[in-house]
Amino acid sequence: MRLSGKVALVTGGASGLGRAICHRFVAEGASVIIADIDEATGRALATELGDASRYVSLDVTLEADWSHVMSPLSSLDILVNNAGITTLGSIEDVTLEQFRNEFEVDVVGVFLGCKAGVAKMKTGAGGSIINMSSMTGVRAQADLVAYNGAKAAVTHMTKSVALHCAKQGYGIRCNSVHPGLIRTPIIDKVLAQADDPDSVYASWMEVLPIGRLGTPEEVAAICVYLASDESAFATGAEFRIDGGSTI
């Protein structure tokens, strides 16, 4: 019960990493708001998790949606900016429309989340903001130009938010989590974009010293630590859980 009494909001909470984080947060005693654009899956998860959770519709790219979700909350202790997409392609392959869409979801969405989260948390006892970056926000790949750029932006934006909140004395911590290759539905979507999925998968295994994909539950465990009071001295930091791929 490391999160007992805390209120958490998880974007992209209906599936993948978000689903695992919601499950673990509820198990640790938090009240969880599952924020997602996928209403059917989000409501099904809320039913599965019971009274400790509820679903809200949220398009992270829309400021009005953030206001609609945040306004009714009397308090917020934890915000996980997890919603994101992955665009496969090199600088020669990715279109301007794809690039802008990647940044709209993965960067603008996190910016709006941090902005809304800070505004809500600073009026209370502070809190923890967890931004989902990636190992590719640290280590570039030739075929992920849009995703590399977006996750690198999230990494550095996290540090800026952390510095600001510390200097203002808000009691708000902001850290980034950097998963490596994790077995989630987004992996299947990336492979579906590839001309040779088997070759792409084999190339992933070459950069994983630990020799396997990670699990959503392993990422959720890091998020529990960052959401809890145990990480009270951690802010602006990068928490890598990538099977050694950025060593």
C-alpha atoms as a PDB file:
ATOM      1  CA  MET A   1       0.000   0.000   0.000  1.00  0.00           C
ATOM      2  CA  ARG A   2       2.802   2.426  -0.906  1.00  0.00           C
ATOM      3  CA  LEU A   3       0.350   4.770  -2.669  1.00  0.00           C
ATOM      4  CA  SER A   4      -2.433   4.629  -0.094  1.00  0.00           C
ATOM      5  CA  GLY A   5      -4.578   7.756  -0.100  1.00  0.00           C
ATOM      6  CA  LYS A   6      -3.055   9.154  -3.300  1.00  0.00           C
ATOM      7  CA  VAL A   7      -4.962  10.171  -6.424  1.00  0.00           C
ATOM      8  CA  ALA A   8      -3.300   9.276  -9.735  1.00  0.00           C
ATOM      9  CA  LEU A   9      -4.107  10.118 -13.346  1.00  0.00           C
ATOM     10  CA  VAL A  10      -2.590   7.937 -16.067  1.00  0.00           C
ATOM     11  CA  THR A  11      -2.846   9.005 -19.714  1.00  0.00           C
ATOM     12  CA  GLY A  12      -2.994   6.259 -22.285  1.00  0.00           C
ATOM     13  CA  GLY A  13      -4.126   4.204 -19.330  1.00  0.00           C
ATOM     14  CA  ALA A  14      -6.395   1.788 -21.152  1.00  0.00           C
ATOM     15  CA  SER A  15      -3.747  -0.490 -22.654  1.00  0.00           C
ATOM     16  CA  GLY A  16      -0.069  -1.407 -22.814  1.00  0.00           C
ATOM     17  CA  LEU A  17       2.166   0.269 -20.259  1.00  0.00           C
ATOM     18  CA  GLY A  18      -0.704   2.430 -19.042  1.00  0.00           C
ATOM     19  CA  ARG A  19      -2.841  -0.580 -18.229  1.00  0.00           C
ATOM     20  CA  ALA A  20      -0.012  -2.196 -16.244  1.00  0.00           C
ATOM     21  CA  ILE A  21       0.622   1.055 -14.355  1.00  0.00           C
ATOM     22  CA  CYS A  22      -3.060   1.427 -13.481  1.00  0.00           C
ATOM     23  CA  HIS A  23      -3.194  -2.148 -12.212  1.00  0.00           C
ATOM     24  CA  ARG A  24      -0.119  -1.680 -10.041  1.00  0.00           C
ATOM     25  CA  PHE A  25      -1.203   1.720  -8.693  1.00  0.00           C
ATOM     26  CA  VAL A  26      -4.562   0.308  -7.582  1.00  0.00           C
ATOM     27  CA  ALA A  27      -2.786  -2.654  -5.963  1.00  0.00           C
ATOM     28  CA  GLU A  28      -0.636  -0.152  -4.055  1.00  0.00           C
ATOM     29  CA  GLY A  29      -3.689   1.696  -2.700  1.00  0.00           C
ATOM     30  CA  ALA A  30      -4.113   4.624  -5.095  1.00  0.00           C
ATOM     31  CA  SER A  31      -7.332   5.936  -6.572  1.00  0.00           C
ATOM     32  CA  VAL A  32      -6.690   5.864 -10.324  1.00  0.00           C
ATOM     33  CA  ILE A  33      -8.166   7.905 -13.150  1.00  0.00           C
ATOM     34  CA  ILE A  34      -7.773   6.049 -16.440  1.00  0.00           C
ATOM     35  CA  ALA A  35      -7.467   8.727 -19.138  1.00  0.00           C
ATOM     36  CA  ASP A  36      -7.626   7.565 -22.743  1.00  0.00           C
ATOM     37  CA  ILE A  37      -9.245   8.179 -26.133  1.00  0.00           C
ATOM     38  CA  ASP A  38     -10.274   4.514 -26.302  1.00  0.00           C
ATOM     39  CA  GLU A  39     -13.528   4.651 -24.360  1.00  0.00           C
ATOM     40  CA  ALA A  40     -14.547   0.995 -24.682  1.00  0.00           C
ATOM     41  CA  THR A  41     -11.199  -0.351 -23.468  1.00  0.00           C
ATOM     42  CA  GLY A  42     -10.884   2.324 -20.784  1.00  0.00           C
ATOM     43  CA  ARG A  43     -14.317   1.621 -19.331  1.00  0.00           C
ATOM     44  CA  ALA A  44     -13.676  -2.125 -19.404  1.00  0.00           C
ATOM     45  CA  LEU A  45     -10.464  -1.636 -17.420  1.00  0.00           C
ATOM     46  CA  ALA A  46     -12.247   0.590 -14.900  1.00  0.00           C
ATOM     47  CA  THR A  47     -14.852  -2.125 -14.389  1.00  0.00           C
ATOM     48  CA  GLU A  48     -12.086  -4.687 -13.963  1.00  0.00           C
ATOM     49  CA  LEU A  49     -10.244  -2.586 -11.379  1.00  0.00           C
ATOM     50  CA  GLY A  50     -13.389  -1.750  -9.394  1.00  0.00           C
ATOM     51  CA  ASP A  51     -14.217   1.193  -7.157  1.00  0.00           C
ATOM     52  CA  ALA A  52     -10.608   2.378  -6.917  1.00  0.00           C
ATOM     53  CA  SER A  53     -10.652   3.540 -10.545  1.00  0.00           C
ATOM     54  CA  ARG A  54     -12.716   5.396 -13.103  1.00  0.00           C
ATOM     55  CA  TYR A  55     -12.413   6.210 -16.793  1.00  0.00           C
ATOM     56  CA  VAL A  56     -12.284   9.684 -18.365  1.00  0.00           C
ATOM     57  CA  SER A  57     -12.049  10.547 -22.044  1.00  0.00           C
ATOM     58  CA  LEU A  58      -8.905  12.541 -22.816  1.00  0.00           C
ATOM     59  CA  ASP A  59      -7.236  13.577 -26.043  1.00  0.00           C
ATOM     60  CA  VAL A  60      -3.860  14.691 -24.675  1.00  0.00           C
ATOM     61  CA  THR A  61      -3.336  17.080 -27.591  1.00  0.00           C
ATOM     62  CA  LEU A  62      -6.349  19.232 -26.666  1.00  0.00           C
ATOM     63  CA  GLU A  63      -6.008  21.831 -23.915  1.00  0.00           C
ATOM     64  CA  ALA A  64      -9.796  21.919 -23.502  1.00  0.00           C
ATOM     65  CA  ASP A  65      -9.814  18.188 -22.731  1.00  0.00           C
ATOM     66  CA  TRP A  66      -7.176  18.673 -20.041  1.00  0.00           C
ATOM     67  CA  SER A  67      -9.242  21.434 -18.442  1.00  0.00           C
ATOM     68  CA  HIS A  68     -12.347  19.254 -18.559  1.00  0.00           C
ATOM     69  CA  VAL A  69     -10.534  16.397 -16.798  1.00  0.00           C
ATOM     70  CA  MET A  70      -8.652  18.478 -14.219  1.00  0.00           C
ATOM     71  CA  SER A  71     -11.337  20.971 -13.190  1.00  0.00           C
ATOM     72  CA  PRO A  72     -13.493  18.534 -11.153  1.00  0.00           C
ATOM     73  CA  LEU A  73     -10.519  17.134  -9.219  1.00  0.00           C
ATOM     74  CA  SER A  74     -10.157  18.382  -5.665  1.00  0.00           C
ATOM     75  CA  SER A  75      -6.584  17.084  -5.591  1.00  0.00           C
ATOM     76  CA  LEU A  76      -4.010  15.230  -7.663  1.00  0.00           C
ATOM     77  CA  ASP A  77      -0.919  13.514  -6.279  1.00  0.00           C
ATOM     78  CA  ILE A  78       0.420  11.587  -9.281  1.00  0.00           C
ATOM     79  CA  LEU A  79       0.346  12.261 -13.012  1.00  0.00           C
ATOM     80  CA  VAL A  80       1.759   9.760 -15.498  1.00  0.00           C
ATOM     81  CA  ASN A  81       2.087  11.234 -18.993  1.00  0.00           C
ATOM     82  CA  ASN A  82       2.137   7.889 -20.745  1.00  0.00           C
ATOM     83  CA  ALA A  83       0.026   8.389 -23.889  1.00  0.00           C
ATOM     84  CA  GLY A  84       2.109   8.208 -27.037  1.00  0.00           C
ATOM     85  CA  ILE A  85       2.605   6.887 -30.539  1.00  0.00           C
ATOM     86  CA  THR A  86       5.576   5.511 -32.476  1.00  0.00           C
ATOM     87  CA  THR A  87       6.291   6.388 -36.103  1.00  0.00           C
ATOM     88  CA  LEU A  88       8.704   4.094 -37.913  1.00  0.00           C
ATOM     89  CA  GLY A  89      10.883   5.688 -40.596  1.00  0.00           C
ATOM     90  CA  SER A  90      14.132   7.477 -41.429  1.00  0.00           C
ATOM     91  CA  ILE A  91      14.594  11.135 -42.374  1.00  0.00           C
ATOM     92  CA  GLU A  92      13.989  10.125 -45.990  1.00  0.00           C
ATOM     93  CA  ASP A  93      10.848   8.134 -45.272  1.00  0.00           C
ATOM     94  CA  VAL A  94       8.825  10.086 -42.698  1.00  0.00           C
ATOM     95  CA  THR A  95       6.437  12.705 -44.073  1.00  0.00           C
ATOM     96  CA  LEU A  96       5.959  16.135 -42.564  1.00  0.00           C
ATOM     97  CA  GLU A  97       2.418  15.141 -41.567  1.00  0.00           C
ATOM     98  CA  GLN A  98       3.707  12.053 -39.732  1.00  0.00           C
ATOM     99  CA  PHE A  99       6.438  14.062 -38.028  1.00  0.00           C
ATOM    100  CA  ARG A 100       3.998  16.710 -36.824  1.00  0.00           C
ATOM    101  CA  ASN A 101       1.560  14.081 -35.595  1.00  0.00           C
ATOM    102  CA  GLU A 102       4.333  12.363 -33.614  1.00  0.00           C
ATOM    103  CA  PHE A 103       5.272  15.624 -31.907  1.00  0.00           C
ATOM    104  CA  GLU A 104       1.643  16.610 -31.350  1.00  0.00           C
ATOM    105  CA  VAL A 105       0.940  13.474 -29.300  1.00  0.00           C
ATOM    106  CA  ASP A 106       4.303  12.740 -27.689  1.00  0.00           C
ATOM    107  CA  VAL A 107       5.548  16.284 -27.026  1.00  0.00           C
ATOM    108  CA  VAL A 108       2.585  18.658 -27.010  1.00  0.00           C
ATOM    109  CA  GLY A 109       0.563  16.063 -25.088  1.00  0.00           C
ATOM    110  CA  VAL A 110       3.243  15.855 -22.380  1.00  0.00           C
ATOM    111  CA  PHE A 111       3.620  19.648 -22.317  1.00  0.00           C
ATOM    112  CA  LEU A 112      -0.123  20.121 -21.742  1.00  0.00           C
ATOM    113  CA  GLY A 113      -0.112  17.361 -19.134  1.00  0.00           C
ATOM    114  CA  CYS A 114       2.759  18.917 -17.191  1.00  0.00           C
ATOM    115  CA  LYS A 115       1.152  22.348 -17.420  1.00  0.00           C
ATOM    116  CA  ALA A 116      -2.190  21.067 -16.121  1.00  0.00           C
ATOM    117  CA  GLY A 117      -0.534  18.850 -13.513  1.00  0.00           C
ATOM    118  CA  VAL A 118       1.608  21.631 -12.055  1.00  0.00           C
ATOM    119  CA  ALA A 119      -1.390  23.977 -11.871  1.00  0.00           C
ATOM    120  CA  LYS A 120      -3.399  21.401  -9.914  1.00  0.00           C
ATOM    121  CA  MET A 121      -0.607  20.030  -7.682  1.00  0.00           C
ATOM    122  CA  LYS A 122       0.852  23.371  -6.586  1.00  0.00           C
ATOM    123  CA  THR A 123      -2.406  24.277  -4.855  1.00  0.00           C
ATOM    124  CA  GLY A 124      -2.110  21.184  -2.680  1.00  0.00           C
ATOM    125  CA  ALA A 125       0.746  19.279  -1.103  1.00  0.00           C
ATOM    126  CA  GLY A 126       2.705  18.880  -4.323  1.00  0.00           C
ATOM    127  CA  GLY A 127       3.064  15.609  -6.150  1.00  0.00           C
ATOM    128  CA  SER A 128       4.910  13.490  -8.670  1.00  0.00           C
ATOM    129  CA  ILE A 129       4.823  13.865 -12.451  1.00  0.00           C
ATOM    130  CA  ILE A 130       6.173  10.902 -14.406  1.00  0.00           C
ATOM    131  CA  ASN A 131       6.837  11.443 -18.111  1.00  0.00           C
ATOM    132  CA  MET A 132       7.187   8.390 -20.311  1.00  0.00           C
ATOM    133  CA  SER A 133      10.198   8.893 -22.556  1.00  0.00           C
ATOM    134  CA  SER A 134      12.153   6.028 -24.142  1.00  0.00           C
ATOM    135  CA  MET A 135      15.593   4.550 -24.540  1.00  0.00           C
ATOM    136  CA  THR A 136      15.437   6.208 -27.974  1.00  0.00           C
ATOM    137  CA  GLY A 137      15.243   9.569 -26.227  1.00  0.00           C
ATOM    138  CA  VAL A 138      18.853   8.833 -25.229  1.00  0.00           C
ATOM    139  CA  ARG A 139      20.133   6.527 -27.976  1.00  0.00           C
ATOM    140  CA  ALA A 140      19.147   7.383 -31.552  1.00  0.00           C
ATOM    141  CA  GLN A 141      18.085   4.938 -34.247  1.00  0.00           C
ATOM    142  CA  ALA A 142      18.236   5.571 -37.982  1.00  0.00           C
ATOM    143  CA  ASP A 143      14.670   4.392 -38.589  1.00  0.00           C
ATOM    144  CA  LEU A 144      12.977   6.366 -35.806  1.00  0.00           C
ATOM    145  CA  VAL A 145      13.710   9.992 -36.678  1.00  0.00           C
ATOM    146  CA  ALA A 146      10.348  11.367 -35.500  1.00  0.00           C
ATOM    147  CA  TYR A 147      10.171   9.220 -32.378  1.00  0.00           C
ATOM    148  CA  ASN A 148      13.819   9.961 -31.489  1.00  0.00           C
ATOM    149  CA  GLY A 149      13.184  13.688 -31.719  1.00  0.00           C
ATOM    150  CA  ALA A 150       9.959  13.539 -29.723  1.00  0.00           C
ATOM    151  CA  LYS A 151      11.309  11.422 -26.871  1.00  0.00           C
ATOM    152  CA  ALA A 152      14.504  13.479 -26.626  1.00  0.00           C
ATOM    153  CA  ALA A 153      12.264  16.535 -26.267  1.00  0.00           C
ATOM    154  CA  VAL A 154      10.298  14.834 -23.476  1.00  0.00           C
ATOM    155  CA  THR A 155      13.544  13.988 -21.681  1.00  0.00           C
ATOM    156  CA  HIS A 156      14.787  17.570 -21.635  1.00  0.00           C
ATOM    157  CA  MET A 157      11.349  19.096 -20.992  1.00  0.00           C
ATOM    158  CA  THR A 158      11.114  16.910 -17.891  1.00  0.00           C
ATOM    159  CA  LYS A 159      14.299  18.465 -16.517  1.00  0.00           C
ATOM    160  CA  SER A 160      13.013  21.981 -17.168  1.00  0.00           C
ATOM    161  CA  VAL A 161       9.735  21.261 -15.365  1.00  0.00           C
ATOM    162  CA  ALA A 162      11.647  19.700 -12.457  1.00  0.00           C
ATOM    163  CA  LEU A 163      13.932  22.744 -12.109  1.00  0.00           C
ATOM    164  CA  HIS A 164      11.052  25.199 -12.244  1.00  0.00           C
ATOM    165  CA  CYS A 165       8.985  23.378  -9.638  1.00  0.00           C
ATOM    166  CA  ALA A 166      11.981  22.988  -7.324  1.00  0.00           C
ATOM    167  CA  LYS A 167      12.892  26.675  -7.569  1.00  0.00           C
ATOM    168  CA  GLN A 168       9.281  27.693  -6.913  1.00  0.00           C
ATOM    169  CA  GLY A 169       9.080  25.418  -3.865  1.00  0.00           C
ATOM    170  CA  TYR A 170       5.957  23.662  -5.132  1.00  0.00           C
ATOM    171  CA  GLY A 171       6.877  20.249  -3.764  1.00  0.00           C
ATOM    172  CA  ILE A 172       6.351  18.789  -7.232  1.00  0.00           C
ATOM    173  CA  ARG A 173       8.846  16.288  -8.603  1.00  0.00           C
ATOM    174  CA  CYS A 174       9.132  15.492 -12.313  1.00  0.00           C
ATOM    175  CA  ASN A 175      11.079  12.518 -13.641  1.00  0.00           C
ATOM    176  CA  SER A 176      11.281  10.622 -16.924  1.00  0.00           C
ATOM    177  CA  VAL A 177      11.087   6.864 -17.431  1.00  0.00           C
ATOM    178  CA  HIS A 178      12.975   5.372 -20.369  1.00  0.00           C
ATOM    179  CA  PRO A 179      11.669   1.938 -21.331  1.00  0.00           C
ATOM    180  CA  GLY A 180      13.525  -0.121 -23.865  1.00  0.00           C
ATOM    181  CA  LEU A 181      11.769  -2.683 -25.998  1.00  0.00           C
ATOM    182  CA  ILE A 182       8.695  -3.701 -24.007  1.00  0.00           C
ATOM    183  CA  ARG A 183       6.186  -6.306 -25.151  1.00  0.00           C
ATOM    184  CA  THR A 184       3.095  -4.116 -25.661  1.00  0.00           C
ATOM    185  CA  PRO A 185       0.602  -3.596 -28.531  1.00  0.00           C
ATOM    186  CA  ILE A 186       2.688  -0.642 -29.762  1.00  0.00           C
ATOM    187  CA  ILE A 187       5.492  -3.090 -30.621  1.00  0.00           C
ATOM    188  CA  ASP A 188       3.103  -4.950 -32.912  1.00  0.00           C
ATOM    189  CA  LYS A 189       2.061  -1.664 -34.555  1.00  0.00           C
ATOM    190  CA  VAL A 190       5.685  -0.752 -35.231  1.00  0.00           C
ATOM    191  CA  LEU A 191       6.371  -4.169 -36.753  1.00  0.00           C
ATOM    192  CA  ALA A 192       3.253  -3.824 -38.896  1.00  0.00           C
ATOM    193  CA  GLN A 193       4.760  -0.677 -40.461  1.00  0.00           C
ATOM    194  CA  ALA A 194       7.976  -2.511 -41.415  1.00  0.00           C
ATOM    195  CA  ASP A 195       8.651  -4.061 -44.823  1.00  0.00           C
ATOM    196  CA  ASP A 196      10.543  -6.891 -43.135  1.00  0.00           C
ATOM    197  CA  PRO A 197       9.221  -7.359 -39.559  1.00  0.00           C
ATOM    198  CA  ASP A 198      11.511 -10.335 -38.848  1.00  0.00           C
ATOM    199  CA  SER A 199      14.587  -8.292 -39.729  1.00  0.00           C
ATOM    200  CA  VAL A 200      13.446  -5.404 -37.522  1.00  0.00           C
ATOM    201  CA  TYR A 201      12.822  -7.758 -34.593  1.00  0.00           C
ATOM    202  CA  ALA A 202      16.244  -9.376 -35.049  1.00  0.00           C
ATOM    203  CA  SER A 203      17.892  -5.958 -35.025  1.00  0.00           C
ATOM    204  CA  TRP A 204      16.201  -5.197 -31.698  1.00  0.00           C
ATOM    205  CA  MET A 205      17.607  -8.336 -30.134  1.00  0.00           C
ATOM    206  CA  GLU A 206      21.111  -7.279 -31.192  1.00  0.00           C
ATOM    207  CA  VAL A 207      20.963  -4.195 -28.932  1.00  0.00           C
ATOM    208  CA  LEU A 208      19.491  -5.964 -25.899  1.00  0.00           C
ATOM    209  CA  PRO A 209      22.327  -7.363 -23.755  1.00  0.00           C
ATOM    210  CA  ILE A 210      19.772  -8.925 -21.418  1.00  0.00           C
ATOM    211  CA  GLY A 211      18.485 -10.991 -24.357  1.00  0.00           C
ATOM    212  CA  ARG A 212      14.733 -10.442 -24.151  1.00  0.00           C
ATOM    213  CA  LEU A 213      11.963  -7.868 -24.354  1.00  0.00           C
ATOM    214  CA  GLY A 214      10.852  -6.206 -21.145  1.00  0.00           C
ATOM    215  CA  THR A 215       7.388  -6.517 -19.620  1.00  0.00           C
ATOM    216  CA  PRO A 216       4.876  -3.757 -18.833  1.00  0.00           C
ATOM    217  CA  GLU A 217       4.905  -4.872 -15.202  1.00  0.00           C
ATOM    218  CA  GLU A 218       8.616  -4.110 -14.940  1.00  0.00           C
ATOM    219  CA  VAL A 219       8.007  -0.538 -16.111  1.00  0.00           C
ATOM    220  CA  ALA A 220       5.047  -0.209 -13.735  1.00  0.00           C
ATOM    221  CA  ALA A 221       7.322  -1.101 -10.820  1.00  0.00           C
ATOM    222  CA  ILE A 222       9.596   1.872 -11.579  1.00  0.00           C
ATOM    223  CA  CYS A 223       6.520   4.109 -11.767  1.00  0.00           C
ATOM    224  CA  VAL A 224       5.354   2.961  -8.328  1.00  0.00           C
ATOM    225  CA  TYR A 225       8.704   3.993  -6.867  1.00  0.00           C
ATOM    226  CA  LEU A 226       8.568   7.416  -8.539  1.00  0.00           C
ATOM    227  CA  ALA A 227       4.949   7.932  -7.507  1.00  0.00           C
ATOM    228  CA  SER A 228       5.626   7.038  -3.892  1.00  0.00           C
ATOM    229  CA  ASP A 229       7.222   9.067  -1.121  1.00  0.00           C
ATOM    230  CA  GLU A 230      10.236   6.742  -1.314  1.00  0.00           C
ATOM    231  CA  SER A 231      11.528   8.797  -4.252  1.00  0.00           C
ATOM    232  CA  ALA A 232      11.167  12.156  -2.489  1.00  0.00           C
ATOM    233  CA  PHE A 233      14.769  13.164  -3.324  1.00  0.00           C
ATOM    234  CA  ALA A 234      14.523  12.270  -7.030  1.00  0.00           C
ATOM    235  CA  THR A 235      13.605  14.934  -9.573  1.00  0.00           C
ATOM    236  CA  GLY A 236      14.669  15.751 -13.102  1.00  0.00           C
ATOM    237  CA  ALA A 237      16.222  12.300 -13.406  1.00  0.00           C
ATOM    238  CA  GLU A 238      16.184   9.677 -16.153  1.00  0.00           C
ATOM    239  CA  PHE A 239      15.144   6.204 -15.036  1.00  0.00           C
ATOM    240  CA  ARG A 240      16.214   3.698 -17.663  1.00  0.00           C
ATOM    241  CA  ILE A 241      14.621   0.269 -17.844  1.00  0.00           C
ATOM    242  CA  ASP A 242      15.929  -0.953 -21.163  1.00  0.00           C
ATOM    243  CA  GLY A 243      17.666  -4.295 -20.736  1.00  0.00           C
ATOM    244  CA  GLY A 244      21.046  -2.599 -20.972  1.00  0.00           C
ATOM    245  CA  SER A 245      20.488  -1.222 -24.486  1.00  0.00           C
ATOM    246  CA  THR A 246      21.837   2.239 -23.626  1.00  0.00           C
ATOM    247  CA  ILE A 247      24.976   1.041 -21.868  1.00  0.00           C
END
